[in-house]
Protein backbone atom coordinates (compact mmCIF):
# COMPACT_ATOMS: atom_id res chain seq x y z
CA MET A 1 24.57 -42.59 71.54
CA LYS A 2 25.35 -45.79 69.72
CA ALA A 3 22.23 -46.29 67.65
CA PRO A 4 22.91 -43.68 64.95
CA VAL A 5 26.45 -44.97 64.42
CA LYS A 6 25.40 -48.61 64.26
CA ALA A 7 22.57 -48.05 61.82
CA PRO A 8 24.73 -47.31 58.75
CA ALA A 9 27.23 -50.03 59.63
CA LYS A 10 25.02 -52.60 57.94
CA SER A 11 24.99 -50.55 54.75
CA VAL A 12 28.76 -50.20 54.81
CA SER A 13 29.17 -53.91 55.38
CA ALA A 14 26.77 -54.69 52.57
CA ALA A 15 28.64 -52.41 50.20
CA VAL A 16 31.99 -53.95 51.13
CA GLU A 17 30.70 -57.46 50.57
CA GLY A 18 29.20 -56.51 47.20
CA GLN A 19 25.59 -56.66 48.36
CA GLN A 20 22.92 -54.07 47.64
CA PRO A 21 22.25 -51.64 50.47
CA ARG A 22 18.86 -51.98 52.10
CA LEU A 23 16.30 -49.77 50.37
CA PRO A 24 14.06 -47.50 52.46
CA ASP A 25 10.81 -48.85 53.77
CA GLY A 26 7.62 -46.93 53.11
CA PRO A 27 4.15 -47.00 51.61
CA HIS A 28 5.43 -46.97 47.99
CA LYS A 29 2.25 -45.40 46.58
CA ALA A 30 3.52 -44.61 43.10
CA PRO A 31 2.76 -43.28 40.53
CA ALA A 32 0.08 -40.99 42.01
CA GLY A 33 2.31 -40.05 44.93
CA LEU A 34 5.24 -39.47 42.58
CA ALA A 35 3.18 -37.15 40.37
CA ARG A 36 2.19 -35.05 43.38
CA TYR A 37 5.79 -35.13 44.58
CA VAL A 38 7.12 -33.82 41.25
CA ALA A 39 4.57 -31.00 41.20
CA ALA A 40 5.30 -30.01 44.80
CA ALA A 41 9.07 -30.22 44.41
CA THR A 42 9.01 -28.18 41.21
CA LEU A 43 6.97 -25.40 42.81
CA ALA A 44 9.12 -25.32 45.94
CA ARG A 45 12.41 -25.32 44.04
CA THR A 46 11.20 -22.72 41.55
CA ALA A 47 10.55 -20.42 44.49
CA ASP A 48 13.87 -21.25 46.11
CA GLY A 49 15.77 -20.72 42.85
CA GLY A 50 14.06 -17.48 41.90
CA ALA A 51 13.88 -15.75 45.27
CA VAL A 52 17.42 -14.38 45.29
CA VAL A 53 16.99 -13.01 41.75
CA ALA A 54 13.76 -11.27 42.76
CA ILE A 55 15.39 -9.75 45.82
CA VAL A 56 18.43 -8.46 43.95
CA LEU A 57 16.22 -7.02 41.18
CA LEU A 58 13.98 -5.39 43.77
CA ALA A 59 16.94 -3.60 45.33
CA SER A 60 18.75 -2.69 42.12
CA THR A 61 15.69 -1.37 40.26
CA GLY A 62 14.80 0.69 43.32
CA GLY A 63 18.10 2.53 43.10
CA ALA A 64 19.81 0.80 46.02
CA PRO A 65 23.61 0.61 45.97
CA GLY A 66 25.22 -2.62 44.85
CA TRP A 67 26.39 -3.54 48.34
CA LEU A 68 22.81 -3.41 49.65
CA ALA A 69 21.51 -5.60 46.81
CA GLY A 70 24.28 -8.08 47.62
CA LEU A 71 23.44 -7.95 51.33
CA LEU A 72 19.78 -8.70 50.70
CA GLY A 73 20.67 -11.54 48.33
CA ALA A 74 23.06 -13.01 50.88
CA ALA A 75 20.41 -12.71 53.60
CA ILE A 76 18.23 -15.28 51.84
CA THR A 77 21.03 -17.59 50.64
CA ALA A 78 23.55 -17.67 53.52
CA PRO A 79 21.10 -19.19 56.06
CA HIS A 80 21.00 -22.36 53.94
CA LEU A 81 24.19 -23.33 55.75
CA ALA A 82 22.20 -23.57 58.98
CA GLY A 83 19.83 -26.07 57.38
CA PRO A 84 21.42 -29.17 58.95
CA PHE A 85 20.79 -27.75 62.41
CA ILE A 86 17.04 -27.52 61.85
CA ALA A 87 16.71 -30.67 59.73
CA ARG A 88 16.64 -32.99 62.75
CA VAL A 89 12.94 -32.28 63.08
CA LEU A 90 12.42 -34.18 59.81
CA ASP A 91 13.65 -37.36 61.48
CA THR A 92 11.85 -36.85 64.80
CA ALA A 93 8.46 -35.62 63.57
CA LYS A 94 5.50 -38.00 63.54
CA ASP A 95 4.66 -36.70 60.09
CA GLY A 96 7.47 -35.14 58.06
CA ARG A 97 4.95 -33.84 55.53
CA THR A 98 3.72 -31.36 58.11
CA VAL A 99 7.24 -30.07 58.76
CA ILE A 100 7.99 -29.50 55.07
CA ALA A 101 4.55 -28.01 54.38
CA TRP A 102 5.01 -25.48 57.18
CA ALA A 103 8.51 -24.73 55.88
CA CYS A 104 6.97 -23.86 52.50
CA VAL A 105 4.41 -21.63 54.18
CA PHE A 106 7.06 -19.85 56.26
CA HIS A 107 9.32 -19.42 53.25
CA GLY A 108 6.53 -17.90 51.16
CA ALA A 109 5.07 -15.74 53.94
CA THR A 110 8.40 -14.25 55.00
CA LEU A 111 9.48 -13.68 51.40
CA ALA A 112 6.22 -11.85 50.67
CA ALA A 113 6.49 -9.83 53.89
CA ALA A 114 10.10 -8.90 53.10
CA VAL A 115 9.38 -7.51 49.63
CA LEU A 116 6.28 -5.67 50.82
CA ALA A 117 8.18 -4.16 53.77
CA TYR A 118 11.29 -3.16 51.79
CA PRO A 119 10.16 0.20 50.44
CA HIS A 120 8.31 1.26 53.58
CA MET A 121 10.24 0.02 56.61
CA TRP A 122 13.79 0.01 57.96
CA THR A 123 16.01 -2.24 55.83
CA GLY A 124 16.90 -4.32 58.90
CA VAL A 125 13.33 -5.62 58.99
CA THR A 126 13.63 -6.85 55.41
CA VAL A 127 16.97 -8.49 56.19
CA ALA A 128 15.51 -10.26 59.23
CA LEU A 129 12.56 -11.57 57.24
CA LEU A 130 14.84 -12.80 54.47
CA LEU A 131 17.04 -14.57 57.01
CA VAL A 132 14.01 -16.48 58.28
CA SER A 133 12.96 -17.29 54.72
CA GLY A 134 16.44 -18.59 53.87
CA LEU A 135 16.64 -20.60 57.06
CA VAL A 136 13.85 -22.94 55.94
CA GLY A 137 15.11 -22.98 52.33
CA PRO A 138 17.02 -26.28 52.76
CA LEU A 139 13.78 -28.00 53.71
CA LEU A 140 12.44 -27.07 50.26
CA THR A 141 15.42 -28.74 48.57
CA GLY A 142 17.10 -31.56 50.48
CA GLY A 143 14.18 -31.84 52.90
CA VAL A 144 11.70 -32.50 50.11
CA SER A 145 14.09 -35.03 48.52
CA SER A 146 14.19 -36.97 51.80
CA ARG A 147 10.51 -37.84 51.29
CA LEU A 148 11.10 -39.49 47.91
CA PRO A 149 12.46 -42.90 49.04
CA ALA A 150 9.19 -43.74 50.79
CA ILE A 151 7.12 -42.78 47.73
CA ALA A 152 9.01 -44.09 44.73
CA GLY A 153 8.60 -47.85 45.05
CA PRO A 154 10.11 -50.87 46.79
CA ASP A 155 12.77 -51.83 44.22
CA ARG A 156 15.98 -50.07 43.27
CA SER A 157 14.91 -49.45 39.68
CA SER A 158 11.78 -47.58 40.83
CA GLN A 159 13.79 -45.59 43.34
CA ARG A 160 16.35 -44.51 40.78
CA ARG A 161 13.79 -43.70 38.11
CA ALA A 162 12.07 -41.45 40.64
CA GLN A 163 15.43 -39.85 41.42
CA GLY A 164 15.64 -38.93 37.74
CA TRP A 165 12.37 -37.03 38.19
CA ASP A 166 13.80 -35.40 41.30
CA VAL A 167 16.88 -34.22 39.41
CA ALA A 168 14.55 -32.76 36.79
CA THR A 169 12.67 -30.74 39.42
CA TYR A 170 15.95 -29.16 40.52
CA GLY A 171 16.83 -28.33 36.92
CA ILE A 172 13.38 -26.95 36.13
CA GLY A 173 13.27 -24.94 39.34
CA GLY A 174 16.74 -23.52 38.80
CA THR A 175 15.83 -22.53 35.23
CA ILE A 176 12.20 -21.48 35.52
CA GLY A 177 12.61 -19.62 38.81
CA PRO A 178 14.98 -16.89 37.54
CA SER A 179 13.24 -16.82 34.13
CA LEU A 180 9.83 -16.36 35.76
CA VAL A 181 11.18 -13.55 37.92
CA ALA A 182 12.71 -11.81 34.90
CA ALA A 183 9.50 -12.11 32.88
CA VAL A 184 7.16 -10.94 35.64
CA SER A 185 9.54 -8.14 36.61
CA ALA A 186 9.56 -6.89 33.01
CA TRP A 187 5.78 -7.12 32.83
CA SER A 188 5.08 -5.68 36.27
CA SER A 189 7.73 -5.42 39.02
CA PRO A 190 10.16 -7.53 41.08
CA THR A 191 7.73 -7.23 44.01
CA VAL A 192 4.99 -8.95 42.03
CA ALA A 193 7.50 -11.57 40.86
CA ALA A 194 8.41 -12.37 44.48
CA LEU A 195 4.72 -12.58 45.40
CA VAL A 196 4.18 -15.06 42.55
CA LEU A 197 7.01 -17.20 43.94
CA ALA A 198 5.47 -16.99 47.41
CA ALA A 199 2.12 -18.18 46.03
CA GLY A 200 3.95 -21.12 44.50
CA THR A 201 5.28 -22.19 47.90
CA PHE A 202 1.76 -22.10 49.34
CA ALA A 203 0.60 -24.39 46.54
CA ALA A 204 3.61 -26.65 47.20
CA ALA A 205 2.62 -26.89 50.87
CA GLY A 206 -0.83 -28.16 49.94
CA LEU A 207 0.58 -30.75 47.54
CA ILE A 208 3.12 -31.97 50.10
CA ARG A 209 0.31 -32.62 52.56
CA LEU A 210 -1.24 -34.86 49.88
CA LEU A 211 1.84 -37.06 49.60
CA PRO A 212 1.58 -40.62 50.97
CA TYR A 213 2.17 -40.78 54.69
CA ALA A 214 5.44 -42.27 55.88
CA GLY A 215 5.86 -42.33 59.64
CA PRO A 216 9.09 -42.13 61.60
CA PRO A 217 11.25 -45.28 61.56
CA ALA A 218 9.95 -47.60 64.26
CA GLY A 219 12.39 -49.27 66.63
CA SER A 220 15.45 -47.88 64.89
CA GLY A 221 16.96 -46.05 67.84
CA GLU A 222 17.35 -42.46 68.88
CA VAL A 223 17.69 -39.74 66.27
CA PRO A 224 21.19 -38.21 66.37
CA HIS A 225 21.94 -34.50 66.73
CA PRO A 226 23.38 -32.61 63.72
CA ALA A 227 27.01 -32.89 64.86
CA GLN A 228 26.58 -36.62 65.49
CA THR A 229 25.03 -37.02 62.05
CA LEU A 230 27.97 -35.26 60.41
CA ARG A 231 30.40 -37.43 62.36
CA MET A 232 28.50 -40.53 61.28
CA MET A 233 28.68 -39.37 57.65
CA LEU A 234 32.42 -38.79 57.88
CA THR A 235 33.04 -42.24 59.36
CA THR A 236 30.72 -44.15 56.98
CA GLY A 237 32.59 -44.79 53.74
CA PRO A 238 29.82 -44.39 51.13
CA LEU A 239 28.36 -41.31 52.85
CA ARG A 240 31.80 -39.78 53.29
CA ARG A 241 32.51 -40.22 49.61
CA THR A 242 29.08 -38.83 48.74
CA LEU A 243 29.86 -35.75 50.78
CA TYR A 244 33.27 -34.85 49.39
CA LEU A 245 32.50 -35.80 45.79
CA THR A 246 29.34 -33.67 45.90
CA VAL A 247 31.21 -30.70 47.36
CA ILE A 248 34.09 -30.87 44.85
CA VAL A 249 31.85 -31.34 41.80
CA ALA A 250 29.58 -28.47 42.92
CA PHE A 251 32.66 -26.27 43.37
CA SER A 252 33.90 -27.27 39.91
CA VAL A 253 30.77 -26.83 37.79
CA ALA A 254 30.17 -23.42 39.41
CA ALA A 255 32.99 -22.14 37.19
CA LEU A 256 30.96 -22.69 34.03
CA PRO A 257 28.78 -19.53 34.09
CA ILE A 258 31.83 -17.36 34.76
CA THR A 259 33.79 -19.10 32.01
CA ALA A 260 30.87 -18.70 29.60
CA VAL A 261 30.98 -14.93 30.01
CA GLY A 262 34.75 -14.78 29.68
CA ALA A 263 34.94 -17.11 26.68
CA THR A 264 32.67 -15.17 24.32
CA GLY A 265 35.57 -13.04 23.10
CA SER A 266 37.80 -15.97 22.21
CA LEU A 267 34.85 -17.75 20.59
CA GLY A 268 34.17 -14.72 18.39
CA VAL A 269 30.61 -14.04 19.57
CA ALA A 270 28.84 -11.22 21.37
CA PRO A 271 28.89 -11.20 25.20
CA ALA A 272 25.14 -11.91 25.24
CA ALA A 273 25.89 -15.34 23.71
CA ALA A 274 27.05 -16.43 27.16
CA GLY A 275 23.36 -16.92 27.86
CA ILE A 276 23.20 -19.53 25.09
CA LEU A 277 26.07 -21.45 26.66
CA THR A 278 24.49 -21.47 30.12
CA ALA A 279 21.13 -22.40 28.60
CA ALA A 280 22.80 -25.33 26.84
CA TYR A 281 24.17 -26.46 30.19
CA GLY A 282 20.69 -26.33 31.70
CA LEU A 283 19.08 -28.15 28.78
CA GLY A 284 21.79 -30.79 28.94
CA GLY A 285 20.95 -31.31 32.58
CA LEU A 286 17.25 -31.74 31.79
CA ALA A 287 18.13 -34.19 29.01
CA GLY A 288 20.23 -36.19 31.46
CA SER A 289 17.37 -36.40 33.93
CA ALA A 290 15.01 -37.48 31.13
CA VAL A 291 17.37 -40.34 30.31
CA LEU A 292 17.28 -41.42 33.95
CA MET A 293 13.49 -41.55 33.91
CA ILE A 294 13.67 -44.05 31.04
CA LYS A 295 16.78 -45.95 32.07
CA PRO A 296 17.71 -45.60 35.74
CA LEU A 297 21.34 -45.74 36.83
CA PRO A 298 22.51 -49.35 37.26
CA GLY A 299 24.91 -50.80 39.78
CA ASP A 300 26.24 -49.67 43.13
CA ALA A 301 25.68 -45.96 43.78
CA ASP A 302 29.01 -45.60 45.58
CA ARG A 303 31.08 -46.75 42.59
CA THR A 304 28.79 -45.01 40.10
CA MET A 305 29.37 -41.65 41.80
CA THR A 306 33.12 -41.92 41.27
CA LEU A 307 32.71 -42.90 37.61
CA LEU A 308 30.27 -40.07 36.90
CA ALA A 309 32.41 -37.51 38.73
CA SER A 310 35.29 -38.44 36.42
CA ILE A 311 32.96 -37.95 33.43
CA VAL A 312 32.07 -34.49 34.76
CA ALA A 313 35.81 -33.72 34.90
CA ALA A 314 36.19 -34.88 31.29
CA ALA A 315 33.26 -32.70 30.22
CA LEU A 316 34.79 -29.67 31.94
CA GLY A 317 38.04 -30.38 30.12
CA LEU A 318 36.11 -30.55 26.84
CA VAL A 319 34.61 -27.11 27.54
CA ALA A 320 38.09 -25.70 28.17
CA LEU A 321 39.51 -27.16 24.93
CA THR A 322 36.69 -26.11 22.61
CA GLY A 323 37.45 -23.08 20.45
CA VAL A 324 34.37 -22.95 18.18
CA PHE A 325 31.12 -21.49 19.49
CA TRP A 326 28.67 -24.19 18.41
CA ALA A 327 31.06 -26.88 19.58
CA ALA A 328 31.21 -25.04 22.90
CA VAL A 329 27.40 -25.14 23.06
CA GLY A 330 27.60 -28.92 22.69
CA ALA A 331 30.33 -29.16 25.32
CA TYR A 332 28.25 -27.18 27.80
CA ALA A 333 25.28 -29.46 27.12
CA VAL A 334 27.45 -32.54 27.74
CA ALA A 335 28.68 -31.02 31.00
CA GLY A 336 25.09 -30.38 32.09
CA ALA A 337 24.05 -33.94 31.28
CA ALA A 338 27.06 -35.40 33.10
CA ASN A 339 26.40 -33.31 36.19
CA SER A 340 22.74 -34.34 36.14
CA LEU A 341 23.68 -38.02 36.10
CA PHE A 342 26.20 -37.47 38.89
CA PHE A 343 23.59 -35.66 40.99
CA ALA A 344 21.21 -38.59 40.57
CA ALA A 345 23.93 -40.95 41.80
CA THR A 346 24.41 -38.83 44.93
CA LEU A 347 20.67 -38.93 45.60
CA ALA A 348 20.78 -42.71 45.27
CA ALA A 349 23.72 -42.92 47.67
CA ARG A 350 21.98 -40.72 50.24
CA SER A 351 18.82 -42.82 50.02
CA GLU A 352 20.54 -46.20 50.16
CA TYR A 353 23.30 -45.59 52.70
CA ALA A 354 21.77 -43.11 55.15
CA PRO A 355 20.38 -44.69 58.33
CA ALA A 356 16.63 -44.38 58.72
CA THR A 357 16.99 -42.31 61.88
CA ALA A 358 19.03 -39.61 60.14
CA ARG A 359 17.93 -39.73 56.49
CA GLY A 360 16.46 -36.22 56.50
CA GLN A 361 19.56 -34.78 58.13
CA VAL A 362 21.87 -36.54 55.65
CA PHE A 363 19.95 -35.10 52.69
CA VAL A 364 20.05 -31.59 54.14
CA TRP A 365 23.71 -31.79 55.24
CA VAL A 366 24.83 -32.74 51.73
CA GLY A 367 22.53 -30.16 50.14
CA ALA A 368 23.70 -27.33 52.39
CA LEU A 369 27.38 -28.05 51.82
CA LYS A 370 26.73 -28.35 48.08
CA ILE A 371 25.21 -24.85 48.02
CA ALA A 372 28.16 -23.47 49.98
CA ALA A 373 30.62 -25.15 47.63
CA GLY A 374 28.82 -23.78 44.58
CA SER A 375 28.99 -20.25 45.98
CA ALA A 376 32.68 -20.69 46.77
CA GLY A 377 33.31 -22.06 43.27
CA THR A 378 31.63 -19.07 41.65
CA ALA A 379 33.65 -16.64 43.75
CA PHE A 380 36.88 -18.55 43.07
CA ALA A 381 36.25 -18.61 39.32
CA GLY A 382 35.57 -14.89 39.30
CA ALA A 383 38.80 -14.21 41.17
CA THR A 384 41.06 -16.45 39.04
CA ILE A 385 39.69 -16.03 35.51
CA ALA A 386 41.61 -12.76 35.12
CA ALA A 387 44.91 -14.69 35.19
CA ALA A 388 43.91 -16.86 32.24
CA LEU A 389 40.55 -17.70 30.71
CA HIS A 390 40.58 -21.40 31.49
CA THR A 391 42.38 -21.29 34.84
CA PRO A 392 39.15 -21.95 36.80
CA LEU A 393 38.27 -24.94 34.60
CA ALA A 394 41.80 -26.36 34.76
CA ILE A 395 41.73 -26.20 38.55
CA ALA A 396 38.20 -27.63 38.57
CA VAL A 397 39.24 -30.60 36.41
CA ALA A 398 42.28 -31.28 38.60
CA ALA A 399 40.27 -31.04 41.83
CA THR A 400 37.55 -33.34 40.52
CA LEU A 401 40.02 -35.96 39.31
CA VAL A 402 41.85 -35.86 42.65
CA SER A 403 38.57 -36.43 44.48
CA CYS A 404 37.78 -39.36 42.15
CA GLY A 405 41.18 -40.87 42.89
CA ALA A 406 40.65 -40.38 46.62
CA SER A 407 37.25 -42.10 46.36
CA PHE A 408 38.76 -45.07 44.51
CA LEU A 409 41.58 -45.47 47.04
CA ASP A 410 39.13 -45.01 49.90
CA ARG A 411 37.09 -48.01 48.73
CA ILE A 412 40.21 -50.14 48.29
CA ARG A 413 41.30 -49.28 51.83
CA GLU A 414 37.89 -50.30 53.15
CA ARG A 415 38.02 -53.66 51.34
CA ARG A 416 41.46 -54.40 52.74
CA LYS A 417 40.43 -53.39 56.21
CA ALA A 418 37.36 -55.63 55.99
């Protein structure tokens, strides 16, 4: 199937020759479409970010053993890895809005059914429902992002400003989701908190149906299967670099929450102050996305990713070297801002270098592997921090810098080959 391989070749050639990649075609009905997009994306990602917290709280407050709470949490997160294998429907559907809207409905309905069934039915039923809910989760993250290029506007500046808004929806969802669950659980119960999240996905479905229509790419060839899409990504320079830089940076920044908890002793503060450090990281990320809304990232997304990944590495090094609490708060905020800017660059690269016939799959592939890398990074940090407090961060800095060097050499090799 030659079409999906040939499609990105033009983008690669353009990047090698110093030209701008071709921006996505679409109706470009901003700002009304963008406002609806931001609302829908925030609701969907708040539900996706808070669901696992609600499930774990539901099990733990009900007296379930720790292994069962972990199993239920994994049941809704692990299926994200299967996202690329269902994302093809985004690129083949006549109306991708319908696919994502139904994904929101399924996510909310199965989440609500799972929490309502948990106290009254065999646990296997709850696990099965959570697996279904998690399976469509990637369509609420990367799948929703794949709609943005056709909404934001025809020029690169509009696209990248909109990507700043998109980064903000991830940050807001990842912050508000768990916070909302904690607040509602304290006021009522984790079951009610999960039902509130489910209601949010239903509202997101309605807003997604109101987004501007963008049909499937006409005359652009046959849509590749997931394995073909991954192979295309690995053989297309900018997409390959997007993939491994995203994975390594996600693995690296996942060490920060673990380090925050471990560092409170050396910083001379109470263990609860770890929450201030992680909050600073989140606020830094939101500040970074706000900057992007005002001043979008300039230049080629491929090169910008490498530069920003190196800045993330420097910020992680700053966190490791800081020995005063309030300076550490600032370092965490800088790390959050740097990661936010890097994330925006990866969104730009996915939008500008993915072929039209596989754009949805590219977004979901990168998103799914990013989630897996973040989980692995958290587990790795937890396993290695006992050796020395800053071992996870030292390894994270080294890994990120190596990936930046590989990206730089990769581009040089491509230029020479061209």
